[in-house]
């Protein structure tokens, strides 16, 4: 059973991964599979680490080394397929090449940001409400001293 793309704070991982895999300038390192629209191949693991993971913000989401990268992919439902010496293929039923998938992931990432912003606003309102209650209680105690 495959995992579905998660909406909880991991859509950014999918967006970042999609951008890296879809970037034709790095096709010699990582690219979409020619035979399967739902998988990508890491052609050069060493360069993936040095040229992509360590040199961009993607390392934060995808890991700083190959072990972290593979672990994060597996935790998000990607299956590993050993291709050959130094090559790995990763597949996921819901991670597919194409403009529709890209738009879907961008919408999820935007929705996730809006949800985080809403949560921050709610937390701020709670803190304000608590502060007002605290001030009322202090005023009541001051009035009792008189």
N, C-alpha and C. Protein backbone atom coordinates (compact mmCIF):
# COMPACT_ATOMS: atom_id res chain seq x y z
N UNK A 1 0.84 -1.18 0.00
CA UNK A 1 0.00 0.00 0.00
C UNK A 1 0.89 1.25 0.00
N UNK A 2 0.65 2.16 -0.94
CA UNK A 2 1.49 3.35 -1.01
C UNK A 2 0.89 4.46 -0.18
N UNK A 3 1.74 5.33 0.30
CA UNK A 3 1.28 6.48 1.04
C UNK A 3 0.85 7.55 0.06
N UNK A 4 -0.15 8.31 0.43
CA UNK A 4 -0.60 9.44 -0.37
C UNK A 4 0.29 10.63 -0.03
N UNK A 5 0.35 11.60 -0.94
CA UNK A 5 1.07 12.81 -0.64
C UNK A 5 0.43 13.46 0.57
N UNK A 6 1.21 13.77 1.55
CA UNK A 6 0.71 14.31 2.79
C UNK A 6 0.51 15.81 2.69
N UNK A 7 -0.53 16.32 3.37
CA UNK A 7 -0.76 17.76 3.37
C UNK A 7 -0.08 18.42 4.56
N UNK A 8 0.36 17.66 5.51
CA UNK A 8 0.90 18.24 6.71
C UNK A 8 2.40 18.49 6.61
N UNK A 9 2.75 19.74 6.44
CA UNK A 9 4.12 20.27 6.43
C UNK A 9 5.13 19.47 5.61
N UNK A 10 4.69 18.60 4.76
CA UNK A 10 5.64 17.91 3.90
C UNK A 10 5.44 18.25 2.44
N UNK A 11 4.38 19.01 2.14
CA UNK A 11 4.17 19.36 0.74
C UNK A 11 5.35 20.17 0.23
N UNK A 12 6.01 20.92 1.11
CA UNK A 12 7.20 21.67 0.69
C UNK A 12 8.29 20.71 0.23
N UNK A 13 8.40 19.56 0.89
CA UNK A 13 9.38 18.57 0.48
C UNK A 13 9.09 18.10 -0.94
N UNK A 14 7.82 17.81 -1.22
CA UNK A 14 7.45 17.35 -2.56
C UNK A 14 7.70 18.43 -3.60
N UNK A 15 7.38 19.68 -3.27
CA UNK A 15 7.60 20.78 -4.20
C UNK A 15 9.09 20.93 -4.48
N UNK A 16 9.91 20.93 -3.42
CA UNK A 16 11.36 21.08 -3.58
C UNK A 16 11.92 19.92 -4.41
N UNK A 17 11.51 18.72 -4.09
CA UNK A 17 11.98 17.54 -4.83
C UNK A 17 11.55 17.62 -6.29
N UNK A 18 10.32 18.01 -6.53
CA UNK A 18 9.82 18.12 -7.91
C UNK A 18 10.67 19.13 -8.69
N UNK A 19 10.97 20.26 -8.08
CA UNK A 19 11.76 21.29 -8.76
C UNK A 19 13.15 20.78 -9.10
N UNK A 20 13.75 20.02 -8.20
CA UNK A 20 15.09 19.48 -8.45
C UNK A 20 15.05 18.45 -9.56
N UNK A 21 14.09 17.53 -9.48
CA UNK A 21 14.00 16.46 -10.49
C UNK A 21 13.64 17.04 -11.85
N UNK A 22 12.80 18.07 -11.87
CA UNK A 22 12.32 18.66 -13.12
C UNK A 22 13.32 19.64 -13.75
N UNK A 23 14.37 19.98 -13.04
CA UNK A 23 15.39 20.92 -13.54
C UNK A 23 16.31 20.20 -14.52
N UNK A 24 16.19 20.55 -15.79
CA UNK A 24 16.96 19.86 -16.83
C UNK A 24 18.47 20.09 -16.72
N UNK A 25 18.88 21.17 -16.04
CA UNK A 25 20.32 21.43 -15.92
C UNK A 25 21.01 20.39 -15.02
N UNK A 26 20.23 19.66 -14.22
CA UNK A 26 20.83 18.65 -13.34
C UNK A 26 20.47 17.23 -13.78
N UNK A 27 20.04 17.06 -15.04
CA UNK A 27 19.66 15.73 -15.53
C UNK A 27 20.78 14.70 -15.46
N UNK A 28 22.03 15.14 -15.48
CA UNK A 28 23.15 14.20 -15.37
C UNK A 28 23.32 13.69 -13.93
N UNK A 29 22.65 14.37 -12.97
CA UNK A 29 22.72 13.99 -11.56
C UNK A 29 21.43 13.30 -11.13
N UNK A 30 20.30 13.93 -11.46
CA UNK A 30 18.98 13.43 -11.06
C UNK A 30 17.98 13.83 -12.13
N UNK A 31 17.12 12.89 -12.54
CA UNK A 31 16.15 13.20 -13.58
C UNK A 31 14.96 12.26 -13.50
N UNK A 32 13.92 12.62 -14.22
CA UNK A 32 12.76 11.74 -14.33
C UNK A 32 13.16 10.47 -15.06
N UNK A 33 12.54 9.37 -14.70
CA UNK A 33 12.75 8.12 -15.40
C UNK A 33 12.17 8.24 -16.81
N UNK A 34 12.85 7.67 -17.77
CA UNK A 34 12.35 7.70 -19.15
C UNK A 34 11.21 6.70 -19.35
N UNK A 35 11.13 5.68 -18.49
CA UNK A 35 10.14 4.62 -18.67
C UNK A 35 8.96 4.70 -17.72
N UNK A 36 9.05 5.53 -16.66
CA UNK A 36 8.00 5.58 -15.65
C UNK A 36 7.77 7.03 -15.22
N UNK A 37 6.58 7.55 -15.44
CA UNK A 37 6.27 8.94 -15.07
C UNK A 37 6.20 9.16 -13.57
N UNK A 38 6.14 8.08 -12.80
CA UNK A 38 6.03 8.18 -11.35
C UNK A 38 7.34 7.88 -10.63
N UNK A 39 8.45 8.03 -11.33
CA UNK A 39 9.73 7.78 -10.66
C UNK A 39 10.82 8.68 -11.22
N UNK A 40 11.86 8.81 -10.43
CA UNK A 40 13.04 9.55 -10.86
C UNK A 40 14.27 8.74 -10.50
N UNK A 41 15.37 9.08 -11.16
CA UNK A 41 16.62 8.34 -10.96
C UNK A 41 17.71 9.29 -10.49
N UNK A 42 18.43 8.86 -9.47
CA UNK A 42 19.64 9.56 -9.05
C UNK A 42 20.79 8.88 -9.79
N UNK A 43 21.39 9.59 -10.73
CA UNK A 43 22.45 9.03 -11.56
C UNK A 43 23.81 9.12 -10.88
N UNK A 44 24.00 10.17 -10.08
CA UNK A 44 25.30 10.41 -9.45
C UNK A 44 25.07 10.85 -8.01
N UNK A 45 25.19 9.91 -7.09
CA UNK A 45 24.89 10.18 -5.69
C UNK A 45 25.84 11.19 -5.07
N UNK A 46 27.12 11.10 -5.43
CA UNK A 46 28.11 12.03 -4.87
C UNK A 46 27.79 13.46 -5.29
N UNK A 47 27.49 13.65 -6.57
CA UNK A 47 27.16 14.99 -7.05
C UNK A 47 25.81 15.49 -6.52
N UNK A 48 24.89 14.58 -6.26
CA UNK A 48 23.62 14.97 -5.67
C UNK A 48 23.89 15.65 -4.33
N UNK A 49 24.75 15.05 -3.56
CA UNK A 49 25.09 15.61 -2.25
C UNK A 49 25.83 16.93 -2.39
N UNK A 50 26.91 16.95 -3.18
CA UNK A 50 27.75 18.14 -3.24
C UNK A 50 27.14 19.27 -4.08
N UNK A 51 26.50 18.95 -5.19
CA UNK A 51 26.00 19.99 -6.10
C UNK A 51 24.58 20.44 -5.78
N UNK A 52 23.80 19.59 -5.12
CA UNK A 52 22.39 19.95 -4.91
C UNK A 52 22.05 20.06 -3.42
N UNK A 53 22.25 19.00 -2.66
CA UNK A 53 21.83 19.01 -1.26
C UNK A 53 22.61 20.01 -0.41
N UNK A 54 23.91 20.08 -0.59
CA UNK A 54 24.73 20.98 0.24
C UNK A 54 24.72 22.43 -0.24
N UNK A 55 24.38 22.67 -1.51
CA UNK A 55 24.47 24.02 -2.06
C UNK A 55 23.15 24.77 -2.12
N UNK A 56 22.09 24.18 -1.66
CA UNK A 56 20.80 24.87 -1.73
C UNK A 56 20.00 24.64 -0.46
N UNK A 57 18.89 25.34 -0.38
CA UNK A 57 18.01 25.18 0.78
C UNK A 57 17.32 23.82 0.78
N UNK A 58 17.43 23.09 -0.33
CA UNK A 58 16.78 21.78 -0.40
C UNK A 58 17.35 20.81 0.62
N UNK A 59 18.59 21.01 1.02
CA UNK A 59 19.20 20.12 2.00
C UNK A 59 18.46 20.11 3.32
N UNK A 60 17.86 21.25 3.67
CA UNK A 60 17.10 21.33 4.91
C UNK A 60 15.89 20.40 4.84
N UNK A 61 15.20 20.41 3.71
CA UNK A 61 14.01 19.58 3.55
C UNK A 61 14.35 18.15 3.18
N UNK A 62 15.34 17.99 2.33
CA UNK A 62 15.63 16.67 1.76
C UNK A 62 16.79 15.95 2.42
N UNK A 63 17.50 16.61 3.29
CA UNK A 63 18.64 16.00 3.95
C UNK A 63 19.95 16.55 3.41
N UNK A 64 20.98 16.47 4.22
CA UNK A 64 22.30 16.99 3.84
C UNK A 64 23.20 15.92 3.24
N UNK A 65 22.81 14.65 3.39
CA UNK A 65 23.62 13.58 2.81
C UNK A 65 22.67 12.52 2.24
N UNK A 66 23.23 11.55 1.56
CA UNK A 66 22.42 10.55 0.87
C UNK A 66 21.58 9.72 1.84
N UNK A 67 22.12 9.39 3.00
CA UNK A 67 21.38 8.61 3.98
C UNK A 67 20.13 9.34 4.43
N UNK A 68 20.27 10.63 4.77
CA UNK A 68 19.11 11.44 5.17
C UNK A 68 18.12 11.58 4.02
N UNK A 69 18.64 11.78 2.81
CA UNK A 69 17.81 11.94 1.62
C UNK A 69 16.94 10.70 1.41
N UNK A 70 17.55 9.53 1.44
CA UNK A 70 16.82 8.28 1.23
C UNK A 70 15.82 8.06 2.37
N UNK A 71 16.23 8.35 3.61
CA UNK A 71 15.34 8.18 4.75
C UNK A 71 14.11 9.08 4.64
N UNK A 72 14.31 10.33 4.23
CA UNK A 72 13.17 11.24 4.10
C UNK A 72 12.25 10.79 2.97
N UNK A 73 12.81 10.34 1.86
CA UNK A 73 11.97 9.86 0.77
C UNK A 73 11.14 8.66 1.23
N UNK A 74 11.78 7.71 1.91
CA UNK A 74 11.06 6.52 2.38
C UNK A 74 9.96 6.90 3.37
N UNK A 75 10.26 7.86 4.24
CA UNK A 75 9.25 8.26 5.24
C UNK A 75 8.06 8.96 4.59
N UNK A 76 8.23 9.42 3.34
CA UNK A 76 7.14 10.06 2.62
C UNK A 76 6.54 9.14 1.55
N UNK A 77 6.81 7.85 1.66
CA UNK A 77 6.14 6.87 0.81
C UNK A 77 6.83 6.51 -0.49
N UNK A 78 8.06 6.98 -0.69
CA UNK A 78 8.79 6.61 -1.91
C UNK A 78 9.38 5.22 -1.75
N UNK A 79 9.36 4.46 -2.84
CA UNK A 79 9.96 3.13 -2.86
C UNK A 79 11.30 3.23 -3.58
N UNK A 80 12.29 2.51 -3.08
CA UNK A 80 13.62 2.51 -3.69
C UNK A 80 13.76 1.33 -4.63
N UNK A 81 14.28 1.62 -5.83
CA UNK A 81 14.54 0.57 -6.81
C UNK A 81 16.02 0.69 -7.19
N UNK A 82 16.79 -0.34 -6.91
CA UNK A 82 18.22 -0.31 -7.24
C UNK A 82 18.36 -0.49 -8.75
N UNK A 83 19.06 0.44 -9.39
CA UNK A 83 19.19 0.42 -10.85
C UNK A 83 20.51 -0.23 -11.29
N UNK A 84 21.58 0.27 -10.78
CA UNK A 84 22.89 -0.22 -11.17
C UNK A 84 23.91 0.38 -10.24
N UNK A 85 25.19 0.13 -10.50
CA UNK A 85 26.22 0.69 -9.61
C UNK A 85 26.12 2.22 -9.57
N UNK A 86 25.88 2.76 -8.40
CA UNK A 86 25.83 4.21 -8.24
C UNK A 86 24.54 4.86 -8.69
N UNK A 87 23.51 4.10 -9.02
CA UNK A 87 22.24 4.67 -9.45
C UNK A 87 21.11 4.13 -8.60
N UNK A 88 20.18 5.01 -8.27
CA UNK A 88 18.99 4.61 -7.52
C UNK A 88 17.76 5.20 -8.19
N UNK A 89 16.69 4.43 -8.23
CA UNK A 89 15.42 4.94 -8.73
C UNK A 89 14.45 4.98 -7.56
N UNK A 90 13.68 6.05 -7.49
CA UNK A 90 12.69 6.22 -6.44
C UNK A 90 11.33 6.40 -7.11
N UNK A 91 10.34 5.65 -6.65
CA UNK A 91 9.01 5.77 -7.24
C UNK A 91 7.98 6.06 -6.17
N UNK A 92 6.91 6.71 -6.59
CA UNK A 92 5.79 7.04 -5.71
C UNK A 92 4.57 7.17 -6.60
N UNK A 93 3.50 6.48 -6.25
CA UNK A 93 2.30 6.48 -7.08
C UNK A 93 1.73 7.88 -7.30
N UNK A 94 1.88 8.77 -6.32
CA UNK A 94 1.30 10.11 -6.42
C UNK A 94 2.29 11.20 -6.79
N UNK A 95 3.52 10.84 -7.06
CA UNK A 95 4.55 11.82 -7.44
C UNK A 95 4.84 11.60 -8.92
N UNK A 96 4.28 12.47 -9.76
CA UNK A 96 4.37 12.23 -11.20
C UNK A 96 4.84 13.46 -11.95
N UNK A 97 5.49 13.21 -13.06
CA UNK A 97 5.95 14.28 -13.94
C UNK A 97 4.74 14.89 -14.64
N UNK A 98 4.75 16.19 -14.79
CA UNK A 98 3.70 16.85 -15.55
C UNK A 98 3.22 18.13 -14.90
N UNK A 99 2.66 19.03 -15.72
CA UNK A 99 2.23 20.34 -15.21
C UNK A 99 1.09 20.26 -14.18
N UNK A 100 0.19 19.29 -14.33
CA UNK A 100 -0.91 19.16 -13.38
C UNK A 100 -0.39 18.84 -11.98
N UNK A 101 0.57 17.93 -11.91
CA UNK A 101 1.16 17.56 -10.63
C UNK A 101 1.86 18.75 -10.00
N UNK A 102 2.59 19.51 -10.82
CA UNK A 102 3.32 20.68 -10.32
C UNK A 102 2.34 21.69 -9.73
N UNK A 103 1.23 21.95 -10.42
CA UNK A 103 0.23 22.89 -9.92
C UNK A 103 -0.40 22.38 -8.64
N UNK A 104 -0.67 21.08 -8.57
CA UNK A 104 -1.27 20.47 -7.38
C UNK A 104 -0.35 20.64 -6.17
N UNK A 105 0.95 20.40 -6.37
CA UNK A 105 1.90 20.52 -5.26
C UNK A 105 2.06 21.98 -4.84
N UNK A 106 2.08 22.91 -5.80
CA UNK A 106 2.20 24.32 -5.46
C UNK A 106 0.97 24.77 -4.66
N UNK A 107 -0.21 24.30 -5.05
CA UNK A 107 -1.43 24.65 -4.32
C UNK A 107 -1.38 24.10 -2.90
N UNK A 108 -0.87 22.87 -2.73
CA UNK A 108 -0.75 22.29 -1.39
C UNK A 108 0.22 23.10 -0.54
N UNK A 109 1.33 23.51 -1.14
CA UNK A 109 2.32 24.29 -0.39
C UNK A 109 1.72 25.63 0.03
N UNK A 110 0.97 26.28 -0.87
CA UNK A 110 0.34 27.55 -0.54
C UNK A 110 -0.70 27.35 0.56
N UNK A 111 -1.50 26.31 0.44
CA UNK A 111 -2.52 26.00 1.44
C UNK A 111 -1.86 25.76 2.80
N UNK A 112 -0.74 25.07 2.79
CA UNK A 112 0.00 24.80 4.03
C UNK A 112 0.48 26.10 4.67
N UNK A 113 0.99 27.02 3.86
CA UNK A 113 1.44 28.32 4.39
C UNK A 113 0.28 29.09 4.99
N UNK A 114 -0.88 29.07 4.33
CA UNK A 114 -2.06 29.76 4.84
C UNK A 114 -2.49 29.15 6.17
N UNK A 115 -2.48 27.82 6.27
CA UNK A 115 -2.84 27.16 7.52
C UNK A 115 -1.89 27.55 8.65
N UNK A 116 -0.59 27.62 8.35
CA UNK A 116 0.38 28.03 9.38
C UNK A 116 0.13 29.46 9.81
N UNK A 117 -0.16 30.35 8.85
CA UNK A 117 -0.44 31.75 9.15
C UNK A 117 -1.68 31.86 10.01
N UNK A 118 -2.75 31.11 9.66
CA UNK A 118 -3.98 31.11 10.46
C UNK A 118 -3.70 30.63 11.89
N UNK A 119 -2.88 29.61 12.01
CA UNK A 119 -2.53 29.09 13.34
C UNK A 119 -1.77 30.15 14.15
N UNK A 120 -0.88 30.89 13.49
CA UNK A 120 -0.15 31.95 14.18
C UNK A 120 -1.09 33.05 14.65
N UNK A 121 -2.07 33.40 13.82
CA UNK A 121 -3.05 34.43 14.19
C UNK A 121 -3.87 33.96 15.38
N UNK A 122 -4.32 32.71 15.35
CA UNK A 122 -5.11 32.16 16.46
C UNK A 122 -4.30 32.17 17.75
N UNK A 123 -3.04 31.78 17.66
CA UNK A 123 -2.18 31.77 18.85
C UNK A 123 -1.99 33.18 19.39
N UNK A 124 -1.84 34.14 18.49
CA UNK A 124 -1.67 35.53 18.90
C UNK A 124 -2.94 36.04 19.59
N UNK A 125 -4.11 35.69 19.05
CA UNK A 125 -5.37 36.10 19.66
C UNK A 125 -5.51 35.49 21.05
N UNK A 126 -5.10 34.25 21.22
CA UNK A 126 -5.15 33.59 22.53
C UNK A 126 -4.24 34.30 23.53
N UNK A 127 -3.04 34.67 23.08
CA UNK A 127 -2.11 35.38 23.97
C UNK A 127 -2.68 36.73 24.38
N UNK A 128 -3.32 37.43 23.44
CA UNK A 128 -3.92 38.74 23.75
C UNK A 128 -5.05 38.57 24.74
N UNK A 129 -5.90 37.57 24.52
CA UNK A 129 -7.02 37.30 25.42
C UNK A 129 -6.52 36.96 26.82
N UNK A 130 -5.47 36.16 26.91
CA UNK A 130 -4.90 35.79 28.20
C UNK A 130 -4.32 37.01 28.90
N UNK A 131 -3.67 37.87 28.12
CA UNK A 131 -3.07 39.08 28.71
C UNK A 131 -4.16 40.00 29.25
N UNK A 132 -5.27 40.14 28.50
CA UNK A 132 -6.38 40.97 28.96
C UNK A 132 -6.96 40.41 30.25
N UNK A 133 -7.12 39.10 30.33
CA UNK A 133 -7.64 38.46 31.53
C UNK A 133 -6.69 38.69 32.71
N UNK A 134 -5.41 38.61 32.43
CA UNK A 134 -4.40 38.84 33.47
C UNK A 134 -4.49 40.26 34.01
N UNK A 135 -4.67 41.23 33.12
CA UNK A 135 -4.78 42.64 33.53
C UNK A 135 -6.05 42.84 34.36
N UNK A 136 -7.17 42.20 33.96
CA UNK A 136 -8.42 42.31 34.73
C UNK A 136 -8.25 41.75 36.14
N UNK A 137 -7.59 40.61 36.24
CA UNK A 137 -7.36 40.01 37.56
C UNK A 137 -6.48 40.92 38.41
N UNK A 138 -5.44 41.48 37.83
CA UNK A 138 -4.58 42.40 38.58
C UNK A 138 -5.36 43.62 39.06
N UNK A 139 -6.24 44.15 38.20
CA UNK A 139 -7.07 45.30 38.59
C UNK A 139 -8.00 44.94 39.74
N UNK A 140 -8.58 43.73 39.69
CA UNK A 140 -9.46 43.30 40.78
C UNK A 140 -8.69 43.20 42.10
N UNK A 141 -7.49 42.66 42.07
CA UNK A 141 -6.68 42.56 43.28
C UNK A 141 -6.30 43.94 43.80
N UNK A 142 -6.01 44.85 42.90
CA UNK A 142 -5.67 46.22 43.33
C UNK A 142 -6.88 46.89 43.98
N UNK A 143 -8.06 46.66 43.43
CA UNK A 143 -9.29 47.24 44.00
C UNK A 143 -9.59 46.64 45.38
N UNK A 144 -9.24 45.39 45.60
CA UNK A 144 -9.47 44.76 46.89
C UNK A 144 -8.57 45.33 47.98
N UNK A 145 -7.42 45.82 47.64
CA UNK A 145 -6.46 46.36 48.62
C UNK A 145 -6.92 47.71 49.16
N UNK A 146 -7.73 48.38 48.46
CA UNK A 146 -8.14 49.74 48.86
C UNK A 146 -9.04 49.72 50.05
